[in-house]
N, C-alpha and C. Protein backbone atom coordinates (compact mmCIF):
# COMPACT_ATOMS: atom_id res chain seq x y z
N UNK A 1 91.25 94.43 101.13
CA UNK A 1 91.18 95.88 100.96
C UNK A 1 89.90 96.23 100.22
N UNK A 2 89.01 96.93 100.88
CA UNK A 2 87.71 97.29 100.31
C UNK A 2 87.77 98.73 99.79
N UNK A 3 87.40 98.96 98.52
CA UNK A 3 87.51 100.31 97.93
C UNK A 3 86.35 101.23 98.32
N UNK A 4 86.13 101.34 99.62
CA UNK A 4 85.06 102.21 100.09
C UNK A 4 85.08 102.31 101.60
N UNK A 5 84.41 103.30 102.15
CA UNK A 5 84.33 103.43 103.60
C UNK A 5 83.33 102.43 104.17
N UNK A 6 83.75 101.69 105.17
CA UNK A 6 82.85 100.79 105.88
C UNK A 6 82.52 101.39 107.24
N UNK A 7 81.28 101.19 107.68
CA UNK A 7 80.25 100.30 107.14
C UNK A 7 79.30 100.94 106.13
N UNK A 8 79.53 102.21 105.77
CA UNK A 8 78.56 102.95 104.94
C UNK A 8 78.46 102.45 103.50
N UNK A 9 79.56 101.89 102.96
CA UNK A 9 79.55 101.47 101.55
C UNK A 9 80.02 100.02 101.42
N UNK A 10 79.24 99.12 101.99
CA UNK A 10 79.51 97.69 101.83
C UNK A 10 78.93 97.21 100.51
N UNK A 11 79.45 96.07 100.04
CA UNK A 11 78.92 95.50 98.81
C UNK A 11 79.81 95.78 97.61
N UNK A 12 79.24 95.64 96.43
CA UNK A 12 80.00 95.76 95.18
C UNK A 12 79.91 97.16 94.58
N UNK A 13 80.97 97.52 93.84
CA UNK A 13 81.04 98.80 93.13
C UNK A 13 80.82 100.01 94.03
N UNK A 14 81.45 100.05 95.21
CA UNK A 14 81.24 101.19 96.10
C UNK A 14 81.71 102.51 95.51
N UNK A 15 82.73 102.48 94.66
CA UNK A 15 83.21 103.71 94.02
C UNK A 15 82.11 104.31 93.16
N UNK A 16 81.48 103.48 92.34
CA UNK A 16 80.42 103.98 91.47
C UNK A 16 79.23 104.48 92.28
N UNK A 17 78.86 103.74 93.32
CA UNK A 17 77.73 104.17 94.14
C UNK A 17 78.01 105.49 94.84
N UNK A 18 79.25 105.69 95.29
CA UNK A 18 79.58 106.95 95.96
C UNK A 18 79.47 108.13 95.00
N UNK A 19 79.96 107.96 93.78
CA UNK A 19 79.85 109.03 92.79
C UNK A 19 78.39 109.27 92.41
N UNK A 20 77.64 108.22 92.23
CA UNK A 20 76.23 108.36 91.89
C UNK A 20 75.48 109.15 92.96
N UNK A 21 75.83 108.91 94.22
CA UNK A 21 75.16 109.58 95.32
C UNK A 21 75.72 110.98 95.61
N UNK A 22 76.72 111.39 94.84
CA UNK A 22 77.23 112.75 94.98
C UNK A 22 78.13 112.97 96.17
N UNK A 23 78.80 111.92 96.65
CA UNK A 23 79.70 112.08 97.79
C UNK A 23 80.89 112.97 97.42
N UNK A 24 81.39 113.69 98.40
CA UNK A 24 82.56 114.55 98.19
C UNK A 24 83.81 113.98 98.87
N UNK A 25 83.65 112.89 99.63
CA UNK A 25 84.79 112.17 100.20
C UNK A 25 84.56 110.69 100.02
N UNK A 26 85.65 109.94 100.04
CA UNK A 26 85.58 108.48 99.92
C UNK A 26 86.70 107.91 100.79
N UNK A 27 86.80 106.59 100.84
CA UNK A 27 87.82 105.97 101.68
C UNK A 27 88.12 104.56 101.18
N UNK A 28 89.23 104.04 101.66
CA UNK A 28 89.59 102.64 101.42
C UNK A 28 89.76 102.02 102.81
N UNK A 29 89.33 100.75 102.95
CA UNK A 29 89.29 100.10 104.25
C UNK A 29 89.97 98.73 104.22
N UNK A 30 90.86 98.49 105.18
CA UNK A 30 91.43 97.17 105.40
C UNK A 30 90.64 96.53 106.54
N UNK A 31 90.02 95.40 106.28
CA UNK A 31 89.21 94.78 107.33
C UNK A 31 89.37 93.27 107.33
N UNK A 32 89.06 92.66 108.45
CA UNK A 32 89.09 91.21 108.56
C UNK A 32 87.85 90.62 107.87
N UNK A 33 87.98 89.39 107.41
CA UNK A 33 86.84 88.70 106.82
C UNK A 33 85.88 88.30 107.94
N UNK A 34 84.59 88.36 107.64
CA UNK A 34 83.56 87.97 108.60
C UNK A 34 82.59 87.01 107.96
N UNK A 35 81.63 86.50 108.72
CA UNK A 35 80.66 85.56 108.16
C UNK A 35 79.74 86.20 107.12
N UNK A 36 79.57 87.52 107.19
CA UNK A 36 78.78 88.23 106.20
C UNK A 36 79.69 89.19 105.43
N UNK A 37 79.29 89.53 104.23
CA UNK A 37 80.12 90.36 103.35
C UNK A 37 80.40 91.72 103.98
N UNK A 38 81.69 92.08 104.05
CA UNK A 38 82.14 93.41 104.47
C UNK A 38 81.65 93.79 105.87
N UNK A 39 81.62 92.82 106.78
CA UNK A 39 81.17 93.11 108.15
C UNK A 39 82.28 92.95 109.18
N UNK A 40 83.45 92.43 108.77
CA UNK A 40 84.51 92.14 109.73
C UNK A 40 85.11 93.39 110.35
N UNK A 41 85.78 93.23 111.49
CA UNK A 41 86.42 94.36 112.18
C UNK A 41 87.40 95.10 111.27
N UNK A 42 87.45 96.41 111.43
CA UNK A 42 88.33 97.26 110.62
C UNK A 42 89.72 97.34 111.25
N UNK A 43 90.73 97.16 110.42
CA UNK A 43 92.11 97.32 110.86
C UNK A 43 92.59 98.74 110.57
N UNK A 44 92.44 99.16 109.33
CA UNK A 44 92.90 100.50 108.93
C UNK A 44 91.94 101.08 107.91
N UNK A 45 91.85 102.40 107.91
CA UNK A 45 91.01 103.10 106.93
C UNK A 45 91.64 104.45 106.62
N UNK A 46 91.59 104.84 105.35
CA UNK A 46 92.15 106.13 104.93
C UNK A 46 91.15 106.80 103.99
N UNK A 47 90.84 108.07 104.26
CA UNK A 47 89.87 108.80 103.44
C UNK A 47 90.57 109.83 102.57
N UNK A 48 89.87 110.30 101.54
CA UNK A 48 90.41 111.28 100.61
C UNK A 48 89.24 112.00 99.95
N UNK A 49 89.48 113.20 99.39
CA UNK A 49 88.39 113.95 98.75
C UNK A 49 88.05 113.41 97.36
N UNK A 50 86.79 113.57 96.97
CA UNK A 50 86.36 113.35 95.60
C UNK A 50 86.17 114.72 94.97
N UNK A 51 86.89 114.99 93.90
CA UNK A 51 86.81 116.28 93.22
C UNK A 51 85.72 116.24 92.15
N UNK A 52 85.29 117.41 91.72
CA UNK A 52 84.20 117.48 90.75
C UNK A 52 84.58 116.87 89.40
N UNK A 53 85.89 116.81 89.10
CA UNK A 53 86.33 116.26 87.82
C UNK A 53 86.60 114.75 87.91
N UNK A 54 86.50 114.18 89.10
CA UNK A 54 86.80 112.76 89.27
C UNK A 54 85.77 111.88 88.57
N UNK A 55 86.24 110.74 88.10
CA UNK A 55 85.39 109.71 87.52
C UNK A 55 85.57 108.43 88.33
N UNK A 56 84.82 107.40 87.99
CA UNK A 56 84.97 106.13 88.68
C UNK A 56 86.39 105.60 88.55
N UNK A 57 87.01 105.82 87.39
CA UNK A 57 88.39 105.36 87.22
C UNK A 57 89.34 106.12 88.13
N UNK A 58 89.26 107.44 88.17
CA UNK A 58 90.22 108.20 88.96
C UNK A 58 90.02 107.97 90.46
N UNK A 59 88.77 107.77 90.89
CA UNK A 59 88.54 107.46 92.30
C UNK A 59 89.08 106.07 92.63
N UNK A 60 88.95 105.13 91.71
CA UNK A 60 89.51 103.80 91.91
C UNK A 60 91.02 103.86 92.06
N UNK A 61 91.66 104.70 91.26
CA UNK A 61 93.11 104.88 91.37
C UNK A 61 93.47 105.49 92.73
N UNK A 62 92.66 106.44 93.18
CA UNK A 62 92.89 107.03 94.50
C UNK A 62 92.77 105.98 95.60
N UNK A 63 91.83 105.05 95.44
CA UNK A 63 91.69 103.97 96.41
C UNK A 63 92.97 103.13 96.47
N UNK A 64 93.52 102.81 95.30
CA UNK A 64 94.74 102.01 95.27
C UNK A 64 95.90 102.76 95.92
N UNK A 65 96.03 104.05 95.61
CA UNK A 65 97.13 104.84 96.18
C UNK A 65 96.99 104.98 97.69
N UNK A 66 95.75 105.13 98.17
CA UNK A 66 95.53 105.26 99.61
C UNK A 66 95.65 103.90 100.30
N UNK A 67 95.33 102.82 99.59
CA UNK A 67 95.33 101.51 100.20
C UNK A 67 96.68 100.85 100.31
N UNK A 68 97.58 101.11 99.37
CA UNK A 68 98.90 100.46 99.40
C UNK A 68 99.68 100.76 100.68
N UNK A 69 99.73 102.02 101.16
CA UNK A 69 100.42 102.27 102.44
C UNK A 69 99.77 101.53 103.61
N UNK A 70 98.44 101.34 103.55
CA UNK A 70 97.76 100.60 104.62
C UNK A 70 98.16 99.13 104.60
N UNK A 71 98.29 98.56 103.40
CA UNK A 71 98.73 97.17 103.30
C UNK A 71 100.16 97.04 103.82
N UNK A 72 101.01 98.01 103.48
CA UNK A 72 102.39 98.00 103.99
C UNK A 72 102.40 98.07 105.51
N UNK A 73 101.54 98.93 106.06
CA UNK A 73 101.44 99.05 107.51
C UNK A 73 100.96 97.74 108.13
N UNK A 74 99.99 97.10 107.49
CA UNK A 74 99.48 95.82 107.98
C UNK A 74 100.57 94.76 107.99
N UNK A 75 101.32 94.65 106.89
CA UNK A 75 102.37 93.64 106.81
C UNK A 75 103.47 93.87 107.84
N UNK A 76 103.82 95.14 108.06
CA UNK A 76 104.84 95.45 109.06
C UNK A 76 104.37 95.05 110.45
N UNK A 77 103.14 95.38 110.76
CA UNK A 77 102.59 95.03 112.08
C UNK A 77 102.49 93.53 112.26
N UNK A 78 102.07 92.82 111.22
CA UNK A 78 101.97 91.36 111.30
C UNK A 78 103.34 90.73 111.53
N UNK A 79 104.37 91.33 110.93
CA UNK A 79 105.72 90.79 111.11
C UNK A 79 106.27 91.06 112.50
N UNK A 80 105.96 92.25 113.04
CA UNK A 80 106.52 92.65 114.34
C UNK A 80 105.67 92.20 115.52
N UNK A 81 104.36 92.32 115.39
CA UNK A 81 103.46 92.03 116.51
C UNK A 81 102.07 91.73 115.98
N UNK A 82 101.80 90.48 115.56
CA UNK A 82 100.50 90.15 114.98
C UNK A 82 99.31 90.56 115.84
N UNK A 83 99.49 90.52 117.14
CA UNK A 83 98.38 90.89 118.03
C UNK A 83 98.13 92.39 118.02
N UNK A 84 99.06 93.13 117.42
CA UNK A 84 98.92 94.59 117.40
C UNK A 84 98.07 95.13 116.28
N UNK A 85 97.58 94.25 115.39
CA UNK A 85 96.71 94.72 114.31
C UNK A 85 95.37 95.14 114.92
N UNK A 86 94.94 96.37 114.68
CA UNK A 86 93.67 96.83 115.25
C UNK A 86 92.49 95.98 114.80
N UNK A 87 91.50 95.87 115.67
CA UNK A 87 90.24 95.19 115.34
C UNK A 87 89.11 96.07 115.84
N UNK A 88 88.72 97.02 115.00
CA UNK A 88 87.67 97.98 115.38
C UNK A 88 86.32 97.47 114.89
N UNK A 89 85.42 97.14 115.80
CA UNK A 89 84.11 96.62 115.35
C UNK A 89 83.36 97.66 114.52
N UNK A 90 82.70 97.20 113.48
CA UNK A 90 81.89 98.11 112.67
C UNK A 90 80.57 98.40 113.37
N UNK A 91 80.14 99.64 113.24
CA UNK A 91 78.82 100.02 113.72
C UNK A 91 77.81 99.64 112.65
N UNK A 92 77.24 98.46 112.76
CA UNK A 92 76.38 97.94 111.71
C UNK A 92 75.05 98.68 111.60
N UNK A 93 74.77 99.57 112.55
CA UNK A 93 73.59 100.42 112.42
C UNK A 93 73.78 101.42 111.27
N UNK A 94 75.05 101.69 110.93
CA UNK A 94 75.36 102.62 109.83
C UNK A 94 75.60 101.88 108.52
N UNK A 95 75.50 100.57 108.55
CA UNK A 95 75.82 99.77 107.37
C UNK A 95 74.79 99.96 106.26
N UNK A 96 75.31 100.06 105.05
CA UNK A 96 74.45 100.08 103.87
C UNK A 96 75.10 99.19 102.82
N UNK A 97 74.35 98.22 102.37
CA UNK A 97 74.88 97.25 101.40
C UNK A 97 74.37 97.59 100.01
N UNK A 98 75.29 97.68 99.06
CA UNK A 98 74.95 98.06 97.69
C UNK A 98 75.03 96.85 96.76
N UNK A 99 74.02 96.74 95.94
CA UNK A 99 73.96 95.65 94.97
C UNK A 99 74.91 95.95 93.80
N UNK A 100 75.22 94.93 92.98
CA UNK A 100 76.20 95.13 91.92
C UNK A 100 75.71 95.94 90.72
N UNK A 101 74.44 95.81 90.34
CA UNK A 101 73.95 96.45 89.12
C UNK A 101 73.74 97.94 89.27
N UNK A 102 73.60 98.65 88.15
CA UNK A 102 73.44 100.11 88.17
C UNK A 102 72.06 100.52 88.65
N UNK A 103 71.94 101.73 89.19
CA UNK A 103 70.62 102.25 89.58
C UNK A 103 69.82 102.64 88.34
N UNK A 104 68.54 102.87 88.55
CA UNK A 104 67.65 103.39 87.50
C UNK A 104 67.64 102.50 86.25
N UNK A 105 67.92 101.20 86.47
CA UNK A 105 67.97 100.25 85.35
C UNK A 105 68.99 100.68 84.30
N UNK A 106 69.96 101.50 84.71
CA UNK A 106 70.99 101.95 83.79
C UNK A 106 70.54 103.01 82.80
N UNK A 107 69.42 103.68 83.09
CA UNK A 107 68.87 104.66 82.16
C UNK A 107 68.96 106.07 82.73
N UNK A 108 69.18 107.05 81.86
CA UNK A 108 69.22 108.45 82.26
C UNK A 108 67.82 109.05 82.21
N UNK A 109 67.47 109.76 83.27
CA UNK A 109 66.24 110.53 83.27
C UNK A 109 66.60 112.01 83.15
N UNK A 110 66.42 112.59 81.99
CA UNK A 110 66.84 113.98 81.76
C UNK A 110 66.03 114.98 82.58
N UNK A 111 64.90 114.56 83.10
CA UNK A 111 64.11 115.47 83.92
C UNK A 111 64.63 115.56 85.36
N UNK A 112 65.71 114.87 85.65
CA UNK A 112 66.36 115.00 86.95
C UNK A 112 67.29 116.21 86.93
N UNK A 113 67.75 116.69 88.11
CA UNK A 113 68.69 117.82 88.14
C UNK A 113 69.99 117.48 87.40
N UNK A 114 70.63 118.51 86.86
CA UNK A 114 71.87 118.31 86.13
C UNK A 114 72.94 117.62 86.94
N UNK A 115 73.03 117.97 88.23
CA UNK A 115 74.03 117.35 89.10
C UNK A 115 73.84 115.83 89.13
N UNK A 116 72.58 115.39 89.26
CA UNK A 116 72.30 113.96 89.33
C UNK A 116 72.64 113.25 88.02
N UNK A 117 72.32 113.90 86.89
CA UNK A 117 72.63 113.31 85.59
C UNK A 117 74.13 113.13 85.42
N UNK A 118 74.90 114.18 85.72
CA UNK A 118 76.35 114.10 85.55
C UNK A 118 76.98 113.12 86.53
N UNK A 119 76.48 113.08 87.76
CA UNK A 119 77.01 112.12 88.73
C UNK A 119 76.82 110.68 88.26
N UNK A 120 75.69 110.41 87.62
CA UNK A 120 75.43 109.07 87.09
C UNK A 120 76.44 108.73 86.00
N UNK A 121 76.69 109.68 85.11
CA UNK A 121 77.66 109.46 84.03
C UNK A 121 79.06 109.24 84.61
N UNK A 122 79.45 110.07 85.58
CA UNK A 122 80.77 109.92 86.22
C UNK A 122 80.90 108.56 86.90
N UNK A 123 79.81 108.10 87.51
CA UNK A 123 79.84 106.83 88.23
C UNK A 123 80.08 105.64 87.31
N UNK A 124 79.78 105.81 86.03
CA UNK A 124 79.97 104.74 85.04
C UNK A 124 81.24 104.90 84.23
N UNK A 125 81.99 105.96 84.48
CA UNK A 125 83.11 106.33 83.61
C UNK A 125 84.43 105.71 84.08
N UNK A 126 84.77 104.57 83.47
CA UNK A 126 86.06 103.90 83.69
C UNK A 126 86.92 103.97 82.43
N UNK A 127 86.56 104.83 81.50
CA UNK A 127 87.29 104.94 80.23
C UNK A 127 88.77 105.17 80.51
N UNK A 128 89.67 104.39 79.81
CA UNK A 128 89.44 103.54 78.64
C UNK A 128 89.10 102.09 78.98
N UNK A 129 88.83 101.78 80.26
CA UNK A 129 88.50 100.42 80.64
C UNK A 129 86.98 100.21 80.64
N UNK A 130 86.60 98.95 80.66
CA UNK A 130 85.18 98.61 80.64
C UNK A 130 84.53 98.93 81.98
N UNK A 131 83.35 99.50 81.93
CA UNK A 131 82.62 99.85 83.14
C UNK A 131 81.76 98.68 83.59
N UNK A 132 81.78 98.34 84.89
CA UNK A 132 80.92 97.26 85.37
C UNK A 132 79.44 97.59 85.25
N UNK A 133 79.13 98.87 85.14
CA UNK A 133 77.74 99.31 84.98
C UNK A 133 77.39 99.62 83.53
N UNK A 134 78.34 99.51 82.62
CA UNK A 134 78.11 100.01 81.28
C UNK A 134 78.04 101.52 81.33
N UNK A 135 77.45 102.16 80.33
CA UNK A 135 77.25 103.61 80.33
C UNK A 135 75.75 103.88 80.34
N UNK A 136 75.31 104.92 81.08
CA UNK A 136 73.88 105.17 81.18
C UNK A 136 73.25 105.44 79.81
N UNK A 137 72.13 104.78 79.57
CA UNK A 137 71.52 104.85 78.25
C UNK A 137 70.33 105.80 78.19
N UNK A 138 70.02 106.19 76.97
CA UNK A 138 68.89 107.06 76.70
C UNK A 138 68.45 106.78 75.27
N UNK A 139 67.37 107.42 74.84
CA UNK A 139 66.83 107.16 73.51
C UNK A 139 66.67 108.47 72.75
N UNK A 140 67.12 108.48 71.50
CA UNK A 140 66.98 109.65 70.64
C UNK A 140 66.38 109.19 69.32
N UNK A 141 65.18 109.65 69.04
CA UNK A 141 64.49 109.27 67.81
C UNK A 141 64.42 107.75 67.66
N UNK A 142 64.15 107.05 68.78
CA UNK A 142 64.03 105.60 68.75
C UNK A 142 65.35 104.86 68.70
N UNK A 143 66.45 105.58 68.79
CA UNK A 143 67.78 104.98 68.69
C UNK A 143 68.48 105.02 70.04
N UNK A 144 69.11 103.91 70.40
CA UNK A 144 69.83 103.83 71.67
C UNK A 144 71.12 104.65 71.63
N UNK A 145 71.31 105.48 72.64
CA UNK A 145 72.53 106.27 72.79
C UNK A 145 72.98 106.15 74.24
N UNK A 146 74.25 105.88 74.46
CA UNK A 146 74.80 105.83 75.81
C UNK A 146 75.70 107.04 76.02
N UNK A 147 75.59 107.66 77.20
CA UNK A 147 76.37 108.85 77.50
C UNK A 147 77.66 108.44 78.21
N UNK A 148 78.80 108.78 77.61
CA UNK A 148 80.10 108.35 78.12
C UNK A 148 80.77 109.43 78.97
N UNK A 149 80.72 110.67 78.49
CA UNK A 149 81.35 111.78 79.21
C UNK A 149 80.38 112.96 79.25
N UNK A 150 80.21 113.56 80.44
CA UNK A 150 79.35 114.72 80.57
C UNK A 150 79.82 115.57 81.75
N UNK A 151 79.61 116.88 81.64
CA UNK A 151 79.98 117.79 82.72
C UNK A 151 78.86 118.81 82.90
N UNK A 152 78.84 119.42 84.09
CA UNK A 152 77.84 120.45 84.36
C UNK A 152 78.30 121.79 83.78
N UNK A 153 77.33 122.63 83.46
CA UNK A 153 77.64 123.98 83.01
C UNK A 153 77.26 125.02 84.06
N UNK A 154 76.28 124.71 84.90
CA UNK A 154 75.78 125.68 85.86
C UNK A 154 74.89 126.73 85.24
N UNK A 155 74.60 126.59 83.94
CA UNK A 155 73.78 127.56 83.23
C UNK A 155 72.32 127.13 83.25
N UNK A 156 71.44 127.93 83.83
CA UNK A 156 70.02 127.56 83.89
C UNK A 156 69.43 127.40 82.49
N UNK A 157 68.46 126.51 82.38
CA UNK A 157 67.81 126.33 81.08
C UNK A 157 66.30 126.26 81.28
N UNK A 158 65.59 126.75 80.30
CA UNK A 158 64.15 126.71 80.35
C UNK A 158 63.56 125.77 79.32
N UNK A 159 64.42 125.08 78.60
CA UNK A 159 63.97 124.16 77.55
C UNK A 159 63.45 122.87 78.18
N UNK A 160 62.58 122.15 77.49
CA UNK A 160 62.11 120.86 77.99
C UNK A 160 63.27 119.90 78.21
N UNK A 161 63.19 119.12 79.27
CA UNK A 161 64.26 118.17 79.59
C UNK A 161 64.54 117.25 78.42
N UNK A 162 65.83 117.05 78.13
CA UNK A 162 66.25 116.20 77.03
C UNK A 162 66.47 116.94 75.72
N UNK A 163 66.14 118.24 75.68
CA UNK A 163 66.33 119.02 74.45
C UNK A 163 67.82 119.25 74.19
N UNK A 164 68.22 119.09 72.94
CA UNK A 164 69.62 119.29 72.55
C UNK A 164 69.77 120.69 71.96
N UNK A 165 70.76 121.43 72.46
CA UNK A 165 71.02 122.78 71.96
C UNK A 165 72.24 122.77 71.04
N UNK A 166 72.62 123.95 70.57
CA UNK A 166 73.77 124.08 69.68
C UNK A 166 75.02 123.50 70.32
N UNK A 167 75.84 122.85 69.52
CA UNK A 167 77.08 122.27 70.00
C UNK A 167 78.05 123.36 70.42
N UNK A 168 78.85 123.07 71.44
CA UNK A 168 79.93 123.96 71.86
C UNK A 168 81.23 123.22 71.64
N UNK A 169 81.87 123.49 70.52
CA UNK A 169 83.05 122.71 70.15
C UNK A 169 82.61 121.32 69.73
N UNK A 170 83.21 120.29 70.32
CA UNK A 170 82.84 118.91 70.01
C UNK A 170 81.74 118.39 70.92
N UNK A 171 81.34 119.18 71.92
CA UNK A 171 80.30 118.77 72.86
C UNK A 171 78.94 119.32 72.44
N UNK A 172 77.89 118.77 73.05
CA UNK A 172 76.53 119.24 72.81
C UNK A 172 75.89 119.55 74.15
N UNK A 173 75.02 120.55 74.17
CA UNK A 173 74.31 120.91 75.39
C UNK A 173 72.96 120.20 75.42
N UNK A 174 72.64 119.62 76.58
CA UNK A 174 71.37 118.92 76.74
C UNK A 174 70.67 119.47 77.98
N UNK A 175 69.38 119.74 77.85
CA UNK A 175 68.61 120.31 78.95
C UNK A 175 68.25 119.25 79.99
N UNK A 176 68.43 119.62 81.27
CA UNK A 176 67.95 118.78 82.37
C UNK A 176 66.87 119.57 83.10
N UNK A 177 66.52 119.15 84.30
CA UNK A 177 65.47 119.83 85.04
C UNK A 177 65.84 121.26 85.38
N UNK A 178 67.14 121.52 85.62
CA UNK A 178 67.51 122.84 86.13
C UNK A 178 68.67 123.52 85.42
N UNK A 179 69.44 122.79 84.61
CA UNK A 179 70.59 123.40 83.95
C UNK A 179 70.95 122.64 82.68
N UNK A 180 71.74 123.32 81.85
CA UNK A 180 72.28 122.65 80.67
C UNK A 180 73.45 121.77 81.10
N UNK A 181 73.49 120.57 80.55
CA UNK A 181 74.61 119.65 80.77
C UNK A 181 75.38 119.53 79.47
N UNK A 182 76.69 119.57 79.58
CA UNK A 182 77.54 119.45 78.39
C UNK A 182 77.89 117.97 78.18
N UNK A 183 77.41 117.40 77.10
CA UNK A 183 77.71 116.00 76.76
C UNK A 183 78.89 115.99 75.79
N UNK A 184 79.94 115.30 76.18
CA UNK A 184 81.17 115.31 75.38
C UNK A 184 81.28 114.11 74.44
N UNK A 185 81.03 112.92 74.98
CA UNK A 185 81.17 111.71 74.17
C UNK A 185 79.99 110.78 74.39
N UNK A 186 79.62 110.08 73.33
CA UNK A 186 78.50 109.14 73.41
C UNK A 186 78.90 107.83 72.74
N UNK A 187 78.12 106.81 73.04
CA UNK A 187 78.33 105.48 72.44
C UNK A 187 77.11 105.17 71.60
N UNK A 188 77.33 104.98 70.30
CA UNK A 188 76.24 104.69 69.37
C UNK A 188 76.63 103.50 68.50
N UNK A 189 75.77 102.49 68.46
CA UNK A 189 76.03 101.30 67.64
C UNK A 189 77.40 100.70 67.95
N UNK A 190 77.77 100.74 69.23
CA UNK A 190 79.04 100.15 69.64
C UNK A 190 80.27 101.00 69.40
N UNK A 191 80.08 102.23 68.90
CA UNK A 191 81.22 103.11 68.59
C UNK A 191 81.16 104.35 69.48
N UNK A 192 82.31 104.70 70.08
CA UNK A 192 82.40 105.91 70.88
C UNK A 192 82.76 107.08 69.97
N UNK A 193 81.91 108.12 69.99
CA UNK A 193 82.11 109.26 69.10
C UNK A 193 81.92 110.56 69.87
N UNK A 194 82.39 111.66 69.28
CA UNK A 194 82.16 112.97 69.87
C UNK A 194 80.67 113.30 69.77
N UNK A 195 80.15 113.94 70.79
CA UNK A 195 78.71 114.22 70.84
C UNK A 195 78.24 115.03 69.64
N UNK A 196 79.05 116.00 69.21
CA UNK A 196 78.63 116.87 68.10
C UNK A 196 78.47 116.12 66.79
N UNK A 197 79.03 114.90 66.72
CA UNK A 197 78.92 114.13 65.48
C UNK A 197 77.52 113.55 65.29
N UNK A 198 76.78 113.37 66.39
CA UNK A 198 75.49 112.68 66.27
C UNK A 198 74.33 113.42 66.93
N UNK A 199 74.62 114.42 67.77
CA UNK A 199 73.55 115.11 68.49
C UNK A 199 73.30 116.47 67.83
N UNK A 200 72.22 116.57 67.10
CA UNK A 200 71.89 117.79 66.38
C UNK A 200 70.97 118.67 67.20
N UNK A 201 71.20 119.98 67.13
CA UNK A 201 70.39 120.94 67.88
C UNK A 201 68.93 120.84 67.46
N UNK A 202 68.04 120.98 68.44
CA UNK A 202 66.62 120.95 68.18
C UNK A 202 65.98 119.59 68.38
N UNK A 203 66.78 118.54 68.39
CA UNK A 203 66.25 117.21 68.65
C UNK A 203 66.10 117.03 70.16
N UNK A 204 65.43 115.97 70.56
CA UNK A 204 65.18 115.80 71.98
C UNK A 204 65.25 114.34 72.39
N UNK A 205 66.03 114.06 73.45
CA UNK A 205 66.04 112.75 74.06
C UNK A 205 64.71 112.49 74.76
N UNK A 206 64.34 111.24 74.89
CA UNK A 206 63.22 110.92 75.76
C UNK A 206 63.58 111.40 77.16
N UNK A 207 62.69 112.14 77.80
CA UNK A 207 63.01 112.77 79.08
C UNK A 207 63.26 111.75 80.18
N UNK A 208 62.45 110.72 80.24
CA UNK A 208 62.60 109.67 81.25
C UNK A 208 62.50 108.32 80.54
N UNK A 209 63.64 107.82 80.15
CA UNK A 209 63.66 106.61 79.34
C UNK A 209 63.63 105.37 80.20
N UNK A 210 63.03 104.34 79.66
CA UNK A 210 63.03 103.02 80.29
C UNK A 210 63.74 102.07 79.34
N UNK A 211 64.23 100.93 79.84
CA UNK A 211 64.95 100.00 78.98
C UNK A 211 64.15 99.64 77.73
N UNK A 212 64.81 99.66 76.60
CA UNK A 212 64.17 99.26 75.34
C UNK A 212 64.07 97.75 75.31
N UNK A 213 62.91 97.22 75.00
CA UNK A 213 62.72 95.76 74.97
C UNK A 213 62.70 95.25 73.54
């Protein structure tokens, strides 16, 4: 059972890649094993919507919920008529194979559109479980900060990318290329804290950070 639509999302961490790329639908696929990874004929596939509030964890749960009935269907067919299991060849012209590691070296570029920034954060969000990609990192005053939870506001901003505005409740507003993004939780020195505890208005993240060496 592959937690993604084939052949478009072959490889590892397809849930995270789909969220990162801003997909609005996803799927789970039952397929036969082949000589190459995720290339075997498809038996069953079920798709479902990705909502704006979904995270990598909630989409993974949706994959399990959509996949269990397919496994039940497979087992029933195997018991009654093994030859009746579908074998739909994949259109490998549509195949895209995704590597295991995170994009952008795992770093946030605040000069990107707000949608892209939030999608990256959502793609890494398996809280309370460990994320295979970690959480996207950034730098504030030379200090490493990872963004754990973030949402879009839709409010245009004219401030330089990475600028931190006044906190709204426990969250902090951060400027991106086109809108303010609401940052809810961050990871600092190995501790997950509310954004307002460490992000002070007027400070600024590095707009396009690269891994700290």
